[in-house]
């Protein structure tokens, strides 16, 4: 896992038919999907990183972020297929 310069705590939980993944870090700024950033901000439009939220947005049923202490928790949920 490549991440910013902070400690990371990952939690996975199931709620009935949903899986929720939470990533807590010490970075206070909210996450911004790379598609919203322009090339000047990302530095390289062919970079191999920085597109995690685009992937999350494509596969998750819902996602968001909320401040926690000096950092934030970014989470996403996915539906668990019926067996």
C-alpha atoms as a PDB file:
ATOM      1  CA  UNK A   1       0.000   0.000   0.000  1.00  0.00           C
ATOM      2  CA  UNK A   2       1.362   3.375  -0.974  1.00  0.00           C
ATOM      3  CA  UNK A   3       0.055   6.187   1.171  1.00  0.00           C
ATOM      4  CA  UNK A   4       0.903   9.709   2.318  1.00  0.00           C
ATOM      5  CA  UNK A   5       3.303  10.407   5.130  1.00  0.00           C
ATOM      6  CA  UNK A   6       1.109   9.333   8.043  1.00  0.00           C
ATOM      7  CA  UNK A   7       0.155   6.262  10.024  1.00  0.00           C
ATOM      8  CA  UNK A   8      -2.795   4.343   8.586  1.00  0.00           C
ATOM      9  CA  UNK A   9      -5.432   2.246  10.343  1.00  0.00           C
ATOM     10  CA  UNK A  10      -7.661   0.014   8.195  1.00  0.00           C
ATOM     11  CA  UNK A  11     -10.892  -1.587   9.406  1.00  0.00           C
ATOM     12  CA  UNK A  12     -13.262  -3.890   7.586  1.00  0.00           C
ATOM     13  CA  UNK A  13     -16.769  -4.608   8.870  1.00  0.00           C
ATOM     14  CA  UNK A  14     -19.842  -6.352   7.566  1.00  0.00           C
ATOM     15  CA  UNK A  15     -23.340  -4.981   8.041  1.00  0.00           C
ATOM     16  CA  UNK A  16     -25.849  -7.490   6.718  1.00  0.00           C
ATOM     17  CA  UNK A  17     -25.470  -7.320   2.941  1.00  0.00           C
ATOM     18  CA  UNK A  18     -22.678  -4.675   2.954  1.00  0.00           C
ATOM     19  CA  UNK A  19     -18.930  -4.643   3.489  1.00  0.00           C
ATOM     20  CA  UNK A  20     -17.577  -1.359   4.863  1.00  0.00           C
ATOM     21  CA  UNK A  21     -13.861  -0.542   4.611  1.00  0.00           C
ATOM     22  CA  UNK A  22     -12.540   2.400   6.640  1.00  0.00           C
ATOM     23  CA  UNK A  23      -9.075   3.949   6.286  1.00  0.00           C
ATOM     24  CA  UNK A  24      -8.053   6.386   9.003  1.00  0.00           C
ATOM     25  CA  UNK A  25      -4.985   8.610   8.617  1.00  0.00           C
ATOM     26  CA  UNK A  26      -3.447  11.731  10.122  1.00  0.00           C
ATOM     27  CA  UNK A  27      -3.934  13.915   7.038  1.00  0.00           C
ATOM     28  CA  UNK A  28      -6.668  16.482   7.798  1.00  0.00           C
ATOM     29  CA  UNK A  29      -7.469  17.404   4.170  1.00  0.00           C
ATOM     30  CA  UNK A  30     -10.455  15.634   2.597  1.00  0.00           C
ATOM     31  CA  UNK A  31      -9.705  13.246  -0.278  1.00  0.00           C
ATOM     32  CA  UNK A  32     -10.232  14.558  -3.809  1.00  0.00           C
ATOM     33  CA  UNK A  33     -10.652  12.146  -6.729  1.00  0.00           C
ATOM     34  CA  UNK A  34      -7.877  12.569  -9.313  1.00  0.00           C
ATOM     35  CA  UNK A  35     -10.399  13.360 -12.087  1.00  0.00           C
ATOM     36  CA  UNK A  36     -11.180  16.621 -10.302  1.00  0.00           C
ATOM     37  CA  UNK A  37      -7.507  17.621 -10.146  1.00  0.00           C
ATOM     38  CA  UNK A  38      -5.827  19.031 -13.234  1.00  0.00           C
ATOM     39  CA  UNK A  39      -2.423  17.937 -14.530  1.00  0.00           C
ATOM     40  CA  UNK A  40      -0.664  20.861 -12.825  1.00  0.00           C
ATOM     41  CA  UNK A  41      -1.914  19.617  -9.434  1.00  0.00           C
ATOM     42  CA  UNK A  42      -1.219  15.909  -9.964  1.00  0.00           C
ATOM     43  CA  UNK A  43       2.123  16.513 -11.675  1.00  0.00           C
ATOM     44  CA  UNK A  44       1.730  13.729 -14.257  1.00  0.00           C
ATOM     45  CA  UNK A  45      -1.368  12.640 -16.134  1.00  0.00           C
ATOM     46  CA  UNK A  46       0.207   9.174 -16.626  1.00  0.00           C
ATOM     47  CA  UNK A  47       1.227   8.638 -12.973  1.00  0.00           C
ATOM     48  CA  UNK A  48       0.814   5.117 -11.606  1.00  0.00           C
ATOM     49  CA  UNK A  49      -0.728   6.350  -8.354  1.00  0.00           C
ATOM     50  CA  UNK A  50      -3.231   8.930  -7.184  1.00  0.00           C
ATOM     51  CA  UNK A  51      -6.301   7.321  -8.718  1.00  0.00           C
ATOM     52  CA  UNK A  52      -7.462   5.204  -5.801  1.00  0.00           C
ATOM     53  CA  UNK A  53     -10.656   7.168  -5.246  1.00  0.00           C
ATOM     54  CA  UNK A  54     -11.594   6.783  -8.910  1.00  0.00           C
ATOM     55  CA  UNK A  55     -11.374   3.006  -8.464  1.00  0.00           C
ATOM     56  CA  UNK A  56     -13.312   3.177  -5.198  1.00  0.00           C
ATOM     57  CA  UNK A  57     -16.005   5.307  -6.862  1.00  0.00           C
ATOM     58  CA  UNK A  58     -16.299   2.779  -9.700  1.00  0.00           C
ATOM     59  CA  UNK A  59     -16.734  -0.315  -7.500  1.00  0.00           C
ATOM     60  CA  UNK A  60     -18.327   1.011  -4.309  1.00  0.00           C
ATOM     61  CA  UNK A  61     -22.038   1.478  -3.695  1.00  0.00           C
ATOM     62  CA  UNK A  62     -21.172   4.515  -1.551  1.00  0.00           C
ATOM     63  CA  UNK A  63     -18.105   6.264  -0.107  1.00  0.00           C
ATOM     64  CA  UNK A  64     -17.203   9.332   1.894  1.00  0.00           C
ATOM     65  CA  UNK A  65     -14.844  10.934   4.350  1.00  0.00           C
ATOM     66  CA  UNK A  66     -15.214  12.576   7.733  1.00  0.00           C
ATOM     67  CA  UNK A  67     -12.813  14.376  10.067  1.00  0.00           C
ATOM     68  CA  UNK A  68     -11.553  12.407  13.076  1.00  0.00           C
ATOM     69  CA  UNK A  69      -9.280  14.070  15.642  1.00  0.00           C
ATOM     70  CA  UNK A  70      -6.358  15.588  13.718  1.00  0.00           C
ATOM     71  CA  UNK A  71      -6.989  13.382  10.683  1.00  0.00           C
ATOM     72  CA  UNK A  72      -9.840  11.791   8.786  1.00  0.00           C
ATOM     73  CA  UNK A  73     -11.548   8.503   8.059  1.00  0.00           C
ATOM     74  CA  UNK A  74     -12.278   7.703   4.431  1.00  0.00           C
ATOM     75  CA  UNK A  75     -14.685   4.818   3.913  1.00  0.00           C
ATOM     76  CA  UNK A  76     -16.457   2.897   1.191  1.00  0.00           C
ATOM     77  CA  UNK A  77     -19.180   0.270   1.101  1.00  0.00           C
ATOM     78  CA  UNK A  78     -19.745  -2.597  -1.282  1.00  0.00           C
ATOM     79  CA  UNK A  79     -22.728  -4.896  -1.537  1.00  0.00           C
ATOM     80  CA  UNK A  80     -21.994  -8.522  -0.640  1.00  0.00           C
ATOM     81  CA  UNK A  81     -23.475 -10.793  -3.314  1.00  0.00           C
ATOM     82  CA  UNK A  82     -26.016 -13.357  -2.128  1.00  0.00           C
ATOM     83  CA  UNK A  83     -24.612 -16.881  -1.877  1.00  0.00           C
END
